C-alpha atoms as a PDB file:
ATOM      1  CA  MET A   1    -138.408-100.186 268.438  1.00  0.00           C
ATOM      2  CA  ASP A   2    -136.352 -96.776 268.224  1.00  0.00           C
ATOM      3  CA  ALA A   3    -132.762 -96.487 269.227  1.00  0.00           C
ATOM      4  CA  THR A   4    -133.192 -95.966 272.691  1.00  0.00           C
ATOM      5  CA  GLY A   5    -134.975 -99.396 272.713  1.00  0.00           C
ATOM      6  CA  THR A   6    -138.569 -97.748 273.098  1.00  0.00           C
ATOM      7  CA  PRO A   7    -141.473 -99.663 271.351  1.00  0.00           C
ATOM      8  CA  GLY A   8    -143.067 -97.865 268.662  1.00  0.00           C
ATOM      9  CA  HIS A   9    -140.826 -98.102 265.683  1.00  0.00           C
ATOM     10  CA  PRO A  10    -140.217-101.296 264.211  1.00  0.00           C
ATOM     11  CA  GLU A  11    -137.083-102.975 263.522  1.00  0.00           C
ATOM     12  CA  THR A  12    -136.168-103.071 259.652  1.00  0.00           C
ATOM     13  CA  GLN A  13    -133.466-105.414 257.906  1.00  0.00           C
ATOM     14  CA  ILE A  14    -132.126-105.301 254.465  1.00  0.00           C
ATOM     15  CA  SER A  15    -134.126-107.335 252.012  1.00  0.00           C
ATOM     16  CA  PRO A  16    -131.806-109.048 249.440  1.00  0.00           C
ATOM     17  CA  GLY A  17    -132.297-106.747 245.841  1.00  0.00           C
ATOM     18  CA  SER A  18    -134.243-104.097 247.547  1.00  0.00           C
ATOM     19  CA  THR A  19    -133.756-101.024 249.520  1.00  0.00           C
ATOM     20  CA  GLU A  20    -136.980-101.118 250.954  1.00  0.00           C
ATOM     21  CA  PRO A  21    -137.388-102.392 254.738  1.00  0.00           C
ATOM     22  CA  VAL A  22    -139.424-105.499 255.899  1.00  0.00           C
ATOM     23  CA  GLU A  23    -140.723-106.115 258.941  1.00  0.00           C
ATOM     24  CA  PRO A  24    -138.983-108.703 261.046  1.00  0.00           C
ATOM     25  CA  PRO A  25    -140.913-111.535 262.023  1.00  0.00           C
ATOM     26  CA  ALA A  26    -142.678-111.489 265.245  1.00  0.00           C
ATOM     27  CA  ARG A  27    -141.164-112.951 268.667  1.00  0.00           C
ATOM     28  CA  ARG A  28    -143.103-115.547 270.321  1.00  0.00           C
ATOM     29  CA  PRO A  29    -143.616-114.752 274.163  1.00  0.00           C
ATOM     30  CA  GLY A  30    -140.423-116.674 275.888  1.00  0.00           C
ATOM     31  CA  GLU A  31    -138.815-117.214 272.896  1.00  0.00           C
ATOM     32  CA  ALA A  32    -135.574-115.545 273.596  1.00  0.00           C
ATOM     33  CA  ALA A  33    -135.580-116.885 277.211  1.00  0.00           C
ATOM     34  CA  ALA A  34    -132.710-118.687 278.404  1.00  0.00           C
ATOM     35  CA  PHE A  35    -130.855-119.162 275.087  1.00  0.00           C
ATOM     36  CA  LEU A  36    -130.910-115.618 273.831  1.00  0.00           C
ATOM     37  CA  VAL A  37    -129.600-114.426 277.387  1.00  0.00           C
ATOM     38  CA  THR A  38    -126.887-116.300 277.397  1.00  0.00           C
ATOM     39  CA  LEU A  39    -126.268-115.663 273.722  1.00  0.00           C
ATOM     40  CA  ILE A  40    -126.240-111.931 274.127  1.00  0.00           C
ATOM     41  CA  LEU A  41    -123.711-112.334 276.886  1.00  0.00           C
ATOM     42  CA  LEU A  42    -121.481-114.330 274.867  1.00  0.00           C
ATOM     43  CA  VAL A  43    -121.245-112.261 272.113  1.00  0.00           C
ATOM     44  CA  ALA A  44    -120.668-109.037 273.945  1.00  0.00           C
ATOM     45  CA  ILE A  45    -117.046-109.572 274.443  1.00  0.00           C
ATOM     46  CA  ALA A  46    -116.693-110.430 270.718  1.00  0.00           C
ATOM     47  CA  LEU A  47    -118.358-107.571 269.587  1.00  0.00           C
ATOM     48  CA  LEU A  48    -116.721-105.003 271.588  1.00  0.00           C
ATOM     49  CA  ALA A  49    -113.399-106.844 270.468  1.00  0.00           C
ATOM     50  CA  VAL A  50    -114.308-106.025 266.691  1.00  0.00           C
ATOM     51  CA  SER A  51    -115.475-102.512 267.485  1.00  0.00           C
ATOM     52  CA  LEU A  52    -112.287-101.878 269.301  1.00  0.00           C
ATOM     53  CA  TRP A  53    -110.174-103.166 266.568  1.00  0.00           C
ATOM     54  CA  ARG A  54    -111.959-100.852 264.092  1.00  0.00           C
ATOM     55  CA  ALA A  55    -111.117 -98.009 266.309  1.00  0.00           C
ATOM     56  CA  ILE A  56    -108.087 -98.710 266.596  1.00  0.00           C
ATOM     57  CA  GLY A  57    -107.661 -98.955 262.739  1.00  0.00           C
ATOM     58  CA  GLY A  58    -109.819 -95.984 262.249  1.00  0.00           C
ATOM     59  CA  ASP A  59    -112.242 -97.980 259.695  1.00  0.00           C
ATOM     60  CA  PHE A  60    -115.299 -95.859 260.069  1.00  0.00           C
ATOM     61  CA  LYS A  61    -116.172 -96.252 256.490  1.00  0.00           C
ATOM     62  CA  ARG A  62    -119.665 -96.982 255.247  1.00  0.00           C
ATOM     63  CA  ASP A  63    -120.097 -99.875 252.717  1.00  0.00           C
ATOM     64  CA  ASP A  64    -123.198 -99.975 250.374  1.00  0.00           C
ATOM     65  CA  ALA A  65    -122.693-103.438 249.445  1.00  0.00           C
ATOM     66  CA  ALA A  66    -125.706-105.620 249.597  1.00  0.00           C
ATOM     67  CA  GLY A  67    -126.685-107.646 252.379  1.00  0.00           C
ATOM     68  CA  ALA A  68    -125.789-111.183 252.608  1.00  0.00           C
ATOM     69  CA  GLY A  69    -128.195-113.514 250.578  1.00  0.00           C
ATOM     70  CA  ALA A  70    -130.646-115.740 252.044  1.00  0.00           C
ATOM     71  CA  GLY A  71    -129.414-119.093 250.783  1.00  0.00           C
ATOM     72  CA  ARG A  72    -125.759-118.328 251.659  1.00  0.00           C
ATOM     73  CA  SER A  73    -124.131-119.527 255.125  1.00  0.00           C
ATOM     74  CA  GLN A  74    -120.949-117.513 254.890  1.00  0.00           C
ATOM     75  CA  PRO A  75    -121.105-113.714 254.279  1.00  0.00           C
ATOM     76  CA  ALA A  76    -118.859-112.362 251.394  1.00  0.00           C
ATOM     77  CA  ALA A  77    -115.995-110.508 252.387  1.00  0.00           C
ATOM     78  CA  ASP A  78    -116.566-107.850 255.059  1.00  0.00           C
ATOM     79  CA  GLU A  79    -119.937-106.998 253.838  1.00  0.00           C
ATOM     80  CA  VAL A  80    -122.716-105.093 255.670  1.00  0.00           C
ATOM     81  CA  LEU A  81    -125.274-107.870 256.956  1.00  0.00           C
ATOM     82  CA  VAL A  82    -127.385-105.222 258.856  1.00  0.00           C
ATOM     83  CA  ARG A  83    -128.070-101.637 259.379  1.00  0.00           C
ATOM     84  CA  VAL A  84    -129.009-100.251 262.590  1.00  0.00           C
ATOM     85  CA  ASN A  85    -129.887 -96.772 262.304  1.00  0.00           C
ATOM     86  CA  GLY A  86    -127.886 -96.418 259.275  1.00  0.00           C
ATOM     87  CA  GLN A  87    -124.682 -98.034 261.360  1.00  0.00           C
ATOM     88  CA  PRO A  88    -123.684-101.307 259.751  1.00  0.00           C
ATOM     89  CA  ILE A  89    -122.941-104.782 261.265  1.00  0.00           C
ATOM     90  CA  ARG A  90    -120.452-106.021 259.298  1.00  0.00           C
ATOM     91  CA  ALA A  91    -119.574-109.919 258.299  1.00  0.00           C
ATOM     92  CA  SER A  92    -116.420-109.551 260.517  1.00  0.00           C
ATOM     93  CA  GLU A  93    -118.597-108.741 263.602  1.00  0.00           C
ATOM     94  CA  PHE A  94    -120.972-111.571 263.071  1.00  0.00           C
ATOM     95  CA  ASN A  95    -117.965-113.901 262.514  1.00  0.00           C
ATOM     96  CA  ALA A  96    -116.251-112.739 265.541  1.00  0.00           C
ATOM     97  CA  ALA A  97    -119.609-113.349 267.637  1.00  0.00           C
ATOM     98  CA  VAL A  98    -119.959-116.722 266.035  1.00  0.00           C
ATOM     99  CA  ALA A  99    -116.828-117.764 267.067  1.00  0.00           C
ATOM    100  CA  SER A 100    -116.724-116.273 270.762  1.00  0.00           C
ATOM    101  CA  LEU A 101    -119.739-118.865 271.444  1.00  0.00           C
ATOM    102  CA  PRO A 102    -119.293-122.410 273.066  1.00  0.00           C
ATOM    103  CA  PRO A 103    -118.667-125.231 270.410  1.00  0.00           C
ATOM    104  CA  GLN A 104    -122.297-126.767 271.263  1.00  0.00           C
ATOM    105  CA  MET A 105    -123.673-123.339 270.486  1.00  0.00           C
ATOM    106  CA  GLN A 106    -122.070-122.650 267.128  1.00  0.00           C
ATOM    107  CA  ALA A 107    -123.924-125.669 265.654  1.00  0.00           C
ATOM    108  CA  PRO A 108    -127.286-124.101 265.624  1.00  0.00           C
ATOM    109  CA  ILE A 109    -126.285-120.559 264.032  1.00  0.00           C
ATOM    110  CA  ALA A 110    -125.423-122.941 261.056  1.00  0.00           C
ATOM    111  CA  SER A 111    -129.065-122.944 260.146  1.00  0.00           C
ATOM    112  CA  PRO A 112    -130.999-119.667 258.732  1.00  0.00           C
ATOM    113  CA  SER A 113    -133.239-119.455 262.156  1.00  0.00           C
ATOM    114  CA  GLY A 114    -130.083-119.627 264.397  1.00  0.00           C
ATOM    115  CA  ARG A 115    -128.102-116.912 262.278  1.00  0.00           C
ATOM    116  CA  LYS A 116    -130.944-114.887 262.160  1.00  0.00           C
ATOM    117  CA  ALA A 117    -131.250-115.297 266.075  1.00  0.00           C
ATOM    118  CA  LEU A 118    -127.968-114.035 266.589  1.00  0.00           C
ATOM    119  CA  ALA A 119    -128.541-111.092 263.717  1.00  0.00           C
ATOM    120  CA  GLU A 120    -131.276-109.879 266.310  1.00  0.00           C
ATOM    121  CA  GLU A 121    -129.128-110.205 269.339  1.00  0.00           C
ATOM    122  CA  LEU A 122    -126.618-108.200 267.509  1.00  0.00           C
ATOM    123  CA  VAL A 123    -129.009-105.507 266.463  1.00  0.00           C
ATOM    124  CA  ARG A 124    -130.310-105.091 270.411  1.00  0.00           C
ATOM    125  CA  MET A 125    -126.676-104.799 271.297  1.00  0.00           C
ATOM    126  CA  LYS A 126    -125.987-102.062 268.332  1.00  0.00           C
ATOM    127  CA  ILE A 127    -128.805-100.042 269.916  1.00  0.00           C
ATOM    128  CA  LEU A 128    -127.759-100.421 273.303  1.00  0.00           C
ATOM    129  CA  GLU A 129    -124.330 -99.505 272.089  1.00  0.00           C
ATOM    130  CA  GLN A 130    -125.941 -96.195 270.296  1.00  0.00           C
ATOM    131  CA  HIS A 131    -127.859 -95.167 273.068  1.00  0.00           C
ATOM    132  CA  ALA A 132    -124.357 -95.611 275.155  1.00  0.00           C
ATOM    133  CA  ARG A 133    -122.750 -93.267 272.743  1.00  0.00           C
ATOM    134  CA  GLN A 134    -125.447 -90.862 272.531  1.00  0.00           C
ATOM    135  CA  LYS A 135    -125.585 -90.266 276.088  1.00  0.00           C
ATOM    136  CA  GLY A 136    -121.416 -90.090 276.095  1.00  0.00           C
ATOM    137  CA  LEU A 137    -121.205 -92.922 278.451  1.00  0.00           C
ATOM    138  CA  GLU A 138    -117.658 -93.925 276.877  1.00  0.00           C
ATOM    139  CA  LYS A 139    -116.319 -90.697 278.278  1.00  0.00           C
ATOM    140  CA  ASP A 140    -117.367 -91.700 281.709  1.00  0.00           C
ATOM    141  CA  PRO A 141    -113.895 -92.252 283.540  1.00  0.00           C
ATOM    142  CA  GLU A 142    -114.770 -95.766 284.812  1.00  0.00           C
ATOM    143  CA  ILE A 143    -116.275 -97.277 281.240  1.00  0.00           C
ATOM    144  CA  SER A 144    -112.898 -95.329 279.548  1.00  0.00           C
ATOM    145  CA  ALA A 145    -110.630 -97.195 281.689  1.00  0.00           C
ATOM    146  CA  ARG A 146    -112.491-100.441 280.947  1.00  0.00           C
ATOM    147  CA  LEU A 147    -112.286-100.109 277.626  1.00  0.00           C
ATOM    148  CA  ALA A 148    -108.340 -99.517 277.772  1.00  0.00           C
ATOM    149  CA  VAL A 149    -108.268-102.918 279.450  1.00  0.00           C
ATOM    150  CA  ALA A 150    -110.348-104.550 276.714  1.00  0.00           C
ATOM    151  CA  THR A 151    -107.840-102.790 274.207  1.00  0.00           C
ATOM    152  CA  GLY A 152    -104.923-103.971 275.897  1.00  0.00           C
ATOM    153  CA  ASN A 153    -106.225-107.240 276.207  1.00  0.00           C
ATOM    154  CA  ILE A 154    -106.973-107.514 272.550  1.00  0.00           C
ATOM    155  CA  LEU A 155    -103.696-106.543 271.724  1.00  0.00           C
ATOM    156  CA  ALA A 156    -102.251-108.822 274.011  1.00  0.00           C
ATOM    157  CA  ASN A 157    -103.623-111.819 272.734  1.00  0.00           C
ATOM    158  CA  ALA A 158    -102.945-110.695 269.186  1.00  0.00           C
ATOM    159  CA  ALA A 159     -99.121-110.197 270.196  1.00  0.00           C
ATOM    160  CA  LEU A 160     -99.253-113.831 271.403  1.00  0.00           C
ATOM    161  CA  ARG A 161    -100.526-115.257 268.455  1.00  0.00           C
ATOM    162  CA  ASP A 162     -97.847-113.095 266.282  1.00  0.00           C
ATOM    163  CA  ILE A 163     -94.907-114.239 268.389  1.00  0.00           C
ATOM    164  CA  MET A 164     -96.377-118.293 268.601  1.00  0.00           C
ATOM    165  CA  ALA A 165     -96.634-118.121 264.777  1.00  0.00           C
ATOM    166  CA  GLY A 166     -92.932-117.127 264.395  1.00  0.00           C
ATOM    167  CA  GLN A 167     -92.166-120.325 266.503  1.00  0.00           C
ATOM    168  CA  GLN A 168     -91.356-123.821 265.660  1.00  0.00           C
ATOM    169  CA  PRO A 169     -93.322-126.236 268.185  1.00  0.00           C
ATOM    170  CA  ALA A 170     -90.598-127.610 270.543  1.00  0.00           C
ATOM    171  CA  SER A 171     -90.273-131.048 271.661  1.00  0.00           C
ATOM    172  CA  PRO A 172     -90.664-132.081 275.242  1.00  0.00           C
ATOM    173  CA  ARG A 173     -86.781-132.686 275.120  1.00  0.00           C
ATOM    174  CA  GLU A 174     -86.050-128.976 273.654  1.00  0.00           C
ATOM    175  CA  LEU A 175     -88.372-127.638 276.151  1.00  0.00           C
ATOM    176  CA  TYR A 176     -86.611-129.407 279.143  1.00  0.00           C
ATOM    177  CA  ASP A 177     -82.922-128.216 277.790  1.00  0.00           C
ATOM    178  CA  GLN A 178     -84.012-124.803 276.887  1.00  0.00           C
ATOM    179  CA  ASN A 179     -85.579-123.994 280.114  1.00  0.00           C
ATOM    180  CA  LEU A 180     -83.585-125.989 282.746  1.00  0.00           C
ATOM    181  CA  ARG A 181     -83.653-123.285 285.436  1.00  0.00           C
ATOM    182  CA  GLN A 182     -87.221-123.997 285.739  1.00  0.00           C
ATOM    183  CA  PHE A 183     -86.819-127.482 286.696  1.00  0.00           C
ATOM    184  CA  GLU A 184     -84.200-126.526 289.736  1.00  0.00           C
ATOM    185  CA  SER A 185     -85.122-126.141 293.160  1.00  0.00           C
ATOM    186  CA  VAL A 186     -83.443-125.529 296.532  1.00  0.00           C
ATOM    187  CA  GLN A 187     -84.625-126.660 299.996  1.00  0.00           C
ATOM    188  CA  LEU A 188     -84.255-123.456 302.119  1.00  0.00           C
ATOM    189  CA  SER A 189     -84.481-122.455 305.597  1.00  0.00           C
ATOM    190  CA  GLN A 190     -84.129-118.729 306.479  1.00  0.00           C
ATOM    191  CA  ILE A 191     -83.653-116.259 309.735  1.00  0.00           C
ATOM    192  CA  VAL A 192     -84.815-112.901 309.142  1.00  0.00           C
ATOM    193  CA  VAL A 193     -83.713-109.960 311.389  1.00  0.00           C
ATOM    194  CA  PRO A 194     -86.426-106.791 310.876  1.00  0.00           C
ATOM    195  CA  TYR A 195     -84.890-103.276 310.380  1.00  0.00           C
ATOM    196  CA  GLN A 196     -86.933-100.126 310.502  1.00  0.00           C
ATOM    197  CA  GLY A 197     -89.119 -99.683 307.251  1.00  0.00           C
ATOM    198  CA  SER A 198     -88.929-103.607 306.404  1.00  0.00           C
ATOM    199  CA  VAL A 199     -91.812-105.743 305.553  1.00  0.00           C
ATOM    200  CA  VAL A 200     -91.280-107.844 308.368  1.00  0.00           C
ATOM    201  CA  ALA A 201     -91.398-104.931 310.936  1.00  0.00           C
ATOM    202  CA  GLY A 202     -94.573-103.780 309.827  1.00  0.00           C
ATOM    203  CA  ASP A 203     -95.626-100.878 311.942  1.00  0.00           C
ATOM    204  CA  GLN A 204     -93.394-101.863 314.864  1.00  0.00           C
ATOM    205  CA  THR A 205     -90.414-100.100 315.930  1.00  0.00           C
ATOM    206  CA  ALA A 206     -87.473-101.537 315.031  1.00  0.00           C
ATOM    207  CA  GLN A 207     -83.726-101.255 314.753  1.00  0.00           C
ATOM    208  CA  SER A 208     -81.874 -99.278 312.234  1.00  0.00           C
ATOM    209  CA  GLU A 209     -80.506-101.091 308.900  1.00  0.00           C
ATOM    210  CA  THR A 210     -76.956-100.858 310.521  1.00  0.00           C
ATOM    211  CA  GLU A 211     -77.820-102.338 313.844  1.00  0.00           C
ATOM    212  CA  ALA A 212     -79.944-105.246 311.725  1.00  0.00           C
ATOM    213  CA  MET A 213     -76.984-106.047 309.698  1.00  0.00           C
ATOM    214  CA  ARG A 214     -74.942-106.048 312.737  1.00  0.00           C
ATOM    215  CA  LYS A 215     -77.328-108.512 314.721  1.00  0.00           C
ATOM    216  CA  ALA A 216     -77.300-110.772 311.710  1.00  0.00           C
ATOM    217  CA  GLU A 217     -73.720-110.954 311.370  1.00  0.00           C
ATOM    218  CA  GLN A 218     -73.706-112.156 315.070  1.00  0.00           C
ATOM    219  CA  ILE A 219     -76.088-114.906 314.216  1.00  0.00           C
ATOM    220  CA  VAL A 220     -74.366-116.024 311.380  1.00  0.00           C
ATOM    221  CA  ALA A 221     -71.172-116.434 313.398  1.00  0.00           C
ATOM    222  CA  ARG A 222     -73.206-118.548 316.050  1.00  0.00           C
ATOM    223  CA  VAL A 223     -74.724-120.838 313.562  1.00  0.00           C
ATOM    224  CA  LYS A 224     -71.506-121.146 311.740  1.00  0.00           C
ATOM    225  CA  GLY A 225     -69.849-121.737 315.084  1.00  0.00           C
ATOM    226  CA  GLY A 226     -72.098-124.957 315.580  1.00  0.00           C
ATOM    227  CA  ALA A 227     -75.582-123.403 316.756  1.00  0.00           C
ATOM    228  CA  ASP A 228     -78.694-125.427 315.583  1.00  0.00           C
ATOM    229  CA  PHE A 229     -79.913-122.996 312.703  1.00  0.00           C
ATOM    230  CA  ALA A 230     -83.572-124.460 313.346  1.00  0.00           C
ATOM    231  CA  ALA A 231     -83.452-123.759 317.083  1.00  0.00           C
ATOM    232  CA  THR A 232     -81.824-120.304 316.372  1.00  0.00           C
ATOM    233  CA  ALA A 233     -84.525-119.285 313.757  1.00  0.00           C
ATOM    234  CA  ARG A 234     -87.395-120.300 316.327  1.00  0.00           C
ATOM    235  CA  GLN A 235     -85.824-117.691 318.935  1.00  0.00           C
ATOM    236  CA  GLU A 236     -84.508-115.093 316.258  1.00  0.00           C
ATOM    237  CA  SER A 237     -86.421-115.056 313.181  1.00  0.00           C
ATOM    238  CA  ALA A 238     -89.183-111.978 312.772  1.00  0.00           C
ATOM    239  CA  ASP A 239     -90.905-114.069 310.129  1.00  0.00           C
ATOM    240  CA  ARG A 240     -93.017-115.866 312.379  1.00  0.00           C
ATOM    241  CA  GLU A 241     -94.414-118.285 309.768  1.00  0.00           C
ATOM    242  CA  SER A 242     -91.341-119.894 308.748  1.00  0.00           C
ATOM    243  CA  ALA A 243     -89.718-119.570 312.261  1.00  0.00           C
ATOM    244  CA  GLN A 244     -92.424-121.903 313.756  1.00  0.00           C
ATOM    245  CA  ARG A 245     -90.811-124.350 310.915  1.00  0.00           C
ATOM    246  CA  GLY A 246     -87.344-123.666 312.282  1.00  0.00           C
ATOM    247  CA  GLY A 247     -86.952-121.330 309.246  1.00  0.00           C
ATOM    248  CA  ASP A 248     -87.856-123.882 306.673  1.00  0.00           C
ATOM    249  CA  LEU A 249     -89.258-122.435 303.682  1.00  0.00           C
ATOM    250  CA  GLY A 250     -89.640-125.638 301.823  1.00  0.00           C
ATOM    251  CA  PRO A 251     -88.410-126.310 298.261  1.00  0.00           C
ATOM    252  CA  ILE A 252     -88.455-123.246 296.219  1.00  0.00           C
ATOM    253  CA  GLY A 253     -88.036-122.469 292.498  1.00  0.00           C
ATOM    254  CA  HIS A 254     -86.050-119.564 290.634  1.00  0.00           C
ATOM    255  CA  GLY A 255     -88.426-116.192 291.221  1.00  0.00           C
ATOM    256  CA  THR A 256     -89.354-116.514 294.583  1.00  0.00           C
ATOM    257  CA  PHE A 257     -86.822-113.792 295.738  1.00  0.00           C
ATOM    258  CA  PRO A 258     -84.793-110.936 293.637  1.00  0.00           C
ATOM    259  CA  ASP A 259     -82.595-111.810 291.251  1.00  0.00           C
ATOM    260  CA  GLU A 260     -79.435-110.932 292.943  1.00  0.00           C
ATOM    261  CA  VAL A 261     -80.778-113.039 295.747  1.00  0.00           C
ATOM    262  CA  ASP A 262     -81.766-115.923 293.339  1.00  0.00           C
ATOM    263  CA  ASP A 263     -78.363-116.128 292.114  1.00  0.00           C
ATOM    264  CA  LEU A 264     -76.774-116.409 295.536  1.00  0.00           C
ATOM    265  CA  ILE A 265     -79.041-119.034 296.822  1.00  0.00           C
ATOM    266  CA  PHE A 266     -78.565-121.221 293.812  1.00  0.00           C
ATOM    267  CA  SER A 267     -75.135-120.703 293.984  1.00  0.00           C
ATOM    268  CA  LEU A 268     -74.332-121.949 297.323  1.00  0.00           C
ATOM    269  CA  PRO A 269     -73.296-125.628 297.858  1.00  0.00           C
ATOM    270  CA  VAL A 270     -75.652-127.534 300.071  1.00  0.00           C
ATOM    271  CA  GLY A 271     -75.182-127.396 303.634  1.00  0.00           C
ATOM    272  CA  ALA A 272     -73.624-123.580 303.312  1.00  0.00           C
ATOM    273  CA  ILE A 273     -75.003-120.782 305.300  1.00  0.00           C
ATOM    274  CA  SER A 274     -75.136-117.325 303.611  1.00  0.00           C
ATOM    275  CA  ASP A 275     -73.977-114.157 304.738  1.00  0.00           C
ATOM    276  CA  PRO A 276     -76.495-111.633 305.719  1.00  0.00           C
ATOM    277  CA  VAL A 277     -78.366-110.496 303.054  1.00  0.00           C
ATOM    278  CA  LYS A 278     -80.504-107.103 302.984  1.00  0.00           C
ATOM    279  CA  THR A 279     -84.015-106.907 301.110  1.00  0.00           C
ATOM    280  CA  VAL A 280     -87.046-104.736 301.583  1.00  0.00           C
ATOM    281  CA  TYR A 281     -88.583-107.722 303.574  1.00  0.00           C
ATOM    282  CA  GLY A 282     -85.599-107.600 306.134  1.00  0.00           C
ATOM    283  CA  VAL A 283     -81.944-108.862 306.631  1.00  0.00           C
ATOM    284  CA  HIS A 284     -82.250-112.797 305.563  1.00  0.00           C
ATOM    285  CA  ILE A 285     -79.566-115.508 306.584  1.00  0.00           C
ATOM    286  CA  PHE A 286     -80.327-118.314 304.272  1.00  0.00           C
ATOM    287  CA  LYS A 287     -79.083-121.971 304.984  1.00  0.00           C
ATOM    288  CA  ILE A 288     -79.007-124.291 301.828  1.00  0.00           C
ATOM    289  CA  ASN A 289     -80.401-127.883 303.304  1.00  0.00           C
ATOM    290  CA  GLY A 290     -80.160-129.480 299.457  1.00  0.00           C
ATOM    291  CA  LYS A 291     -80.717-128.909 295.820  1.00  0.00           C
ATOM    292  CA  GLN A 292     -82.726-130.981 293.277  1.00  0.00           C
ATOM    293  CA  THR A 293     -83.177-130.696 289.238  1.00  0.00           C
ATOM    294  CA  ARG A 294     -86.089-132.908 288.281  1.00  0.00           C
ATOM    295  CA  SER A 295     -85.414-134.977 285.500  1.00  0.00           C
ATOM    296  CA  PHE A 296     -86.458-135.158 281.969  1.00  0.00           C
ATOM    297  CA  GLU A 297     -88.208-138.510 282.571  1.00  0.00           C
ATOM    298  CA  GLU A 298     -90.082-136.765 285.570  1.00  0.00           C
ATOM    299  CA  VAL A 299     -91.445-133.847 283.774  1.00  0.00           C
ATOM    300  CA  GLU A 300     -91.805-135.498 280.303  1.00  0.00           C
ATOM    301  CA  GLN A 301     -95.472-136.198 280.297  1.00  0.00           C
ATOM    302  CA  ALA A 302     -96.470-132.539 281.888  1.00  0.00           C
ATOM    303  CA  LEU A 303     -94.400-131.095 278.965  1.00  0.00           C
ATOM    304  CA  VAL A 304     -96.613-133.428 276.194  1.00  0.00           C
ATOM    305  CA  ARG A 305     -99.671-131.936 278.053  1.00  0.00           C
ATOM    306  CA  SER A 306     -98.854-128.555 278.132  1.00  0.00           C
ATOM    307  CA  GLY A 307     -96.052-127.824 275.677  1.00  0.00           C
ATOM    308  CA  GLN A 308     -97.319-124.890 273.930  1.00  0.00           C
ATOM    309  CA  GLN A 309     -98.310-123.369 276.854  1.00  0.00           C
ATOM    310  CA  PHE A 310     -94.853-123.726 278.494  1.00  0.00           C
ATOM    311  CA  GLN A 311     -93.589-122.125 275.341  1.00  0.00           C
ATOM    312  CA  MET A 312     -96.137-119.141 275.654  1.00  0.00           C
ATOM    313  CA  GLU A 313     -95.059-118.765 279.016  1.00  0.00           C
ATOM    314  CA  ALA A 314     -91.201-118.662 278.357  1.00  0.00           C
ATOM    315  CA  ALA A 315     -91.775-116.182 275.195  1.00  0.00           C
ATOM    316  CA  ILE A 316     -93.799-113.766 277.949  1.00  0.00           C
ATOM    317  CA  ASP A 317     -90.877-114.260 280.416  1.00  0.00           C
ATOM    318  CA  ASP A 318     -88.260-113.144 277.876  1.00  0.00           C
ATOM    319  CA  LEU A 319     -90.546-110.072 276.988  1.00  0.00           C
ATOM    320  CA  ARG A 320     -90.593-109.381 280.959  1.00  0.00           C
ATOM    321  CA  LYS A 321     -86.924-109.490 281.538  1.00  0.00           C
ATOM    322  CA  GLY A 322     -86.358-107.114 278.649  1.00  0.00           C
ATOM    323  CA  ALA A 323     -88.832-104.514 280.079  1.00  0.00           C
ATOM    324  CA  ARG A 324     -88.482-101.602 282.088  1.00  0.00           C
ATOM    325  CA  VAL A 325     -90.866-101.732 284.831  1.00  0.00           C
ATOM    326  CA  GLU A 326     -91.452 -98.940 287.733  1.00  0.00           C
ATOM    327  CA  PHE A 327     -94.022 -99.591 290.396  1.00  0.00           C
ATOM    328  CA  ASN A 328     -95.534 -96.684 292.382  1.00  0.00           C
ATOM    329  CA  PRO A 329     -94.171 -97.620 295.996  1.00  0.00           C
ATOM    330  CA  GLU A 330     -97.199 -96.017 297.562  1.00  0.00           C
ATOM    331  CA  PHE A 331     -99.746 -98.097 295.597  1.00  0.00           C
ATOM    332  CA  PHE A 332     -97.724-101.127 295.513  1.00  0.00           C
ATOM    333  CA  PRO A 333     -95.922-101.649 299.060  1.00  0.00           C
ATOM    334  CA  PRO A 334     -93.049-104.246 299.581  1.00  0.00           C
ATOM    335  CA  ILE A 335     -94.416-107.716 300.077  1.00  0.00           C
ATOM    336  CA  ALA A 336     -93.352-110.651 301.598  1.00  0.00           C
ATOM    337  CA  PRO A 337     -91.287-113.256 298.902  1.00  0.00           C
ATOM    338  CA  ARG A 338     -93.611-115.673 297.856  1.00  0.00           C
ATOM    339  CA  ARG A 339     -92.627-119.534 297.321  1.00  0.00           C
ATOM    340  CA  GLN A 340     -92.448-120.565 293.722  1.00  0.00           C
ATOM    341  CA  THR A 341     -93.468-123.876 292.925  1.00  0.00           C
ATOM    342  CA  PRO A 342     -90.794-125.390 290.492  1.00  0.00           C
ATOM    343  CA  ALA A 343     -92.292-126.334 287.137  1.00  0.00           C
ATOM    344  CA  GLY A 344     -93.251-129.779 286.388  1.00  0.00           C
ATOM    345  CA  GLN A 345     -94.746-130.361 289.854  1.00  0.00           C
END
C-alpha cells in the first residue's frame, strides 16, 4: 500500500537490528472487522492530540533510534517505533493511543499481537494523515477551525491538570465553607414590564424605557399598597411563562441574573418587594418569598462523591471571574435569564 492507500506497494516495518524492511504479516479476511474499526476511532483523538502538542512545541526532528525490541512491552523514552514513508511514529504517540482506549481494551495491547494490531492502525492513520497534508486539507477553513478547537481543548485540559496539581484535596467541610454562596437560594417571584428592544418584548412594538420604568413604578406602588403580587403578575407581567404561576420562579441560586441584580435579590429580606430593576430582558419587580442555605449535613454526601469535580469547577469559576469576555451582540443576542439550581440538589 502506498502513501495514498493504493494497493501495490507493501507496508513495511523496522526490523530490530536491521535496516532492511520486512513484509508485515498478512491480514486474514475479516480479522480487523469490529475490533479494529472501534480501535481506529478511539485512537484518532489521541493521535491528533500528540500531533498537535508536537506542532506547538516545534518537535519535528527525526530520531534514528532503533525500533522497539520484539520482547519489550514498554518502549524506551520517546524512540521511533515505526516509520511510514520516512515519517516516525514515536513511543509517545503509541502510549497516548493506548491510554485513550477503555480499560477493557487496554489489556489485549499488552500482548505482542495486540501491540502489533494497534501499530497497524496507527500506520493506516498516518498514511491518511500524510494524504491529507499532501492535498493541503489542513488549510481548509473548516478543518483548520476544528484543529484550533482540538488544540484549545488539549491546552485547557493541561491547564486544569496543572491547576489541580497545585491544590491540596479539600475536605467536604472545607469545600462547603469555601463555597457557601453556592448553597444559598431564594424563593423568588417577578413581574416583568417590556420596553422597546428588550428580550421579553421580542419583535413587538413596546413602550420606551422611560415609559416602562414609569409603569413599573406604578405597579410597585400597587403591590406595596396591598395588591396581591401573584394576581398582579398574571395581569401585568410580559414574561408569560412565570406569569401563569403568579410570577413564581421557584428557588434560584446565584448566577441566574447579572451580578448587580444577583446582589440585590440576595440582599433583600424575606417579604420585600424590590424597586424596578432594568435588565436587557425587561424591567423587573422582584418579591422575595423565602431564603434558604442548605446545611452541611444536607450536602455532605454530594461533596464526598464529587469533591474533586467541585474543586475543579470552583477553580474555573475563579478564572472566569477575572477574565475580560466580550460577546458579539449580533451573534449572541440577549436571552432570558435561566434559573440556576443551588449546588447539592
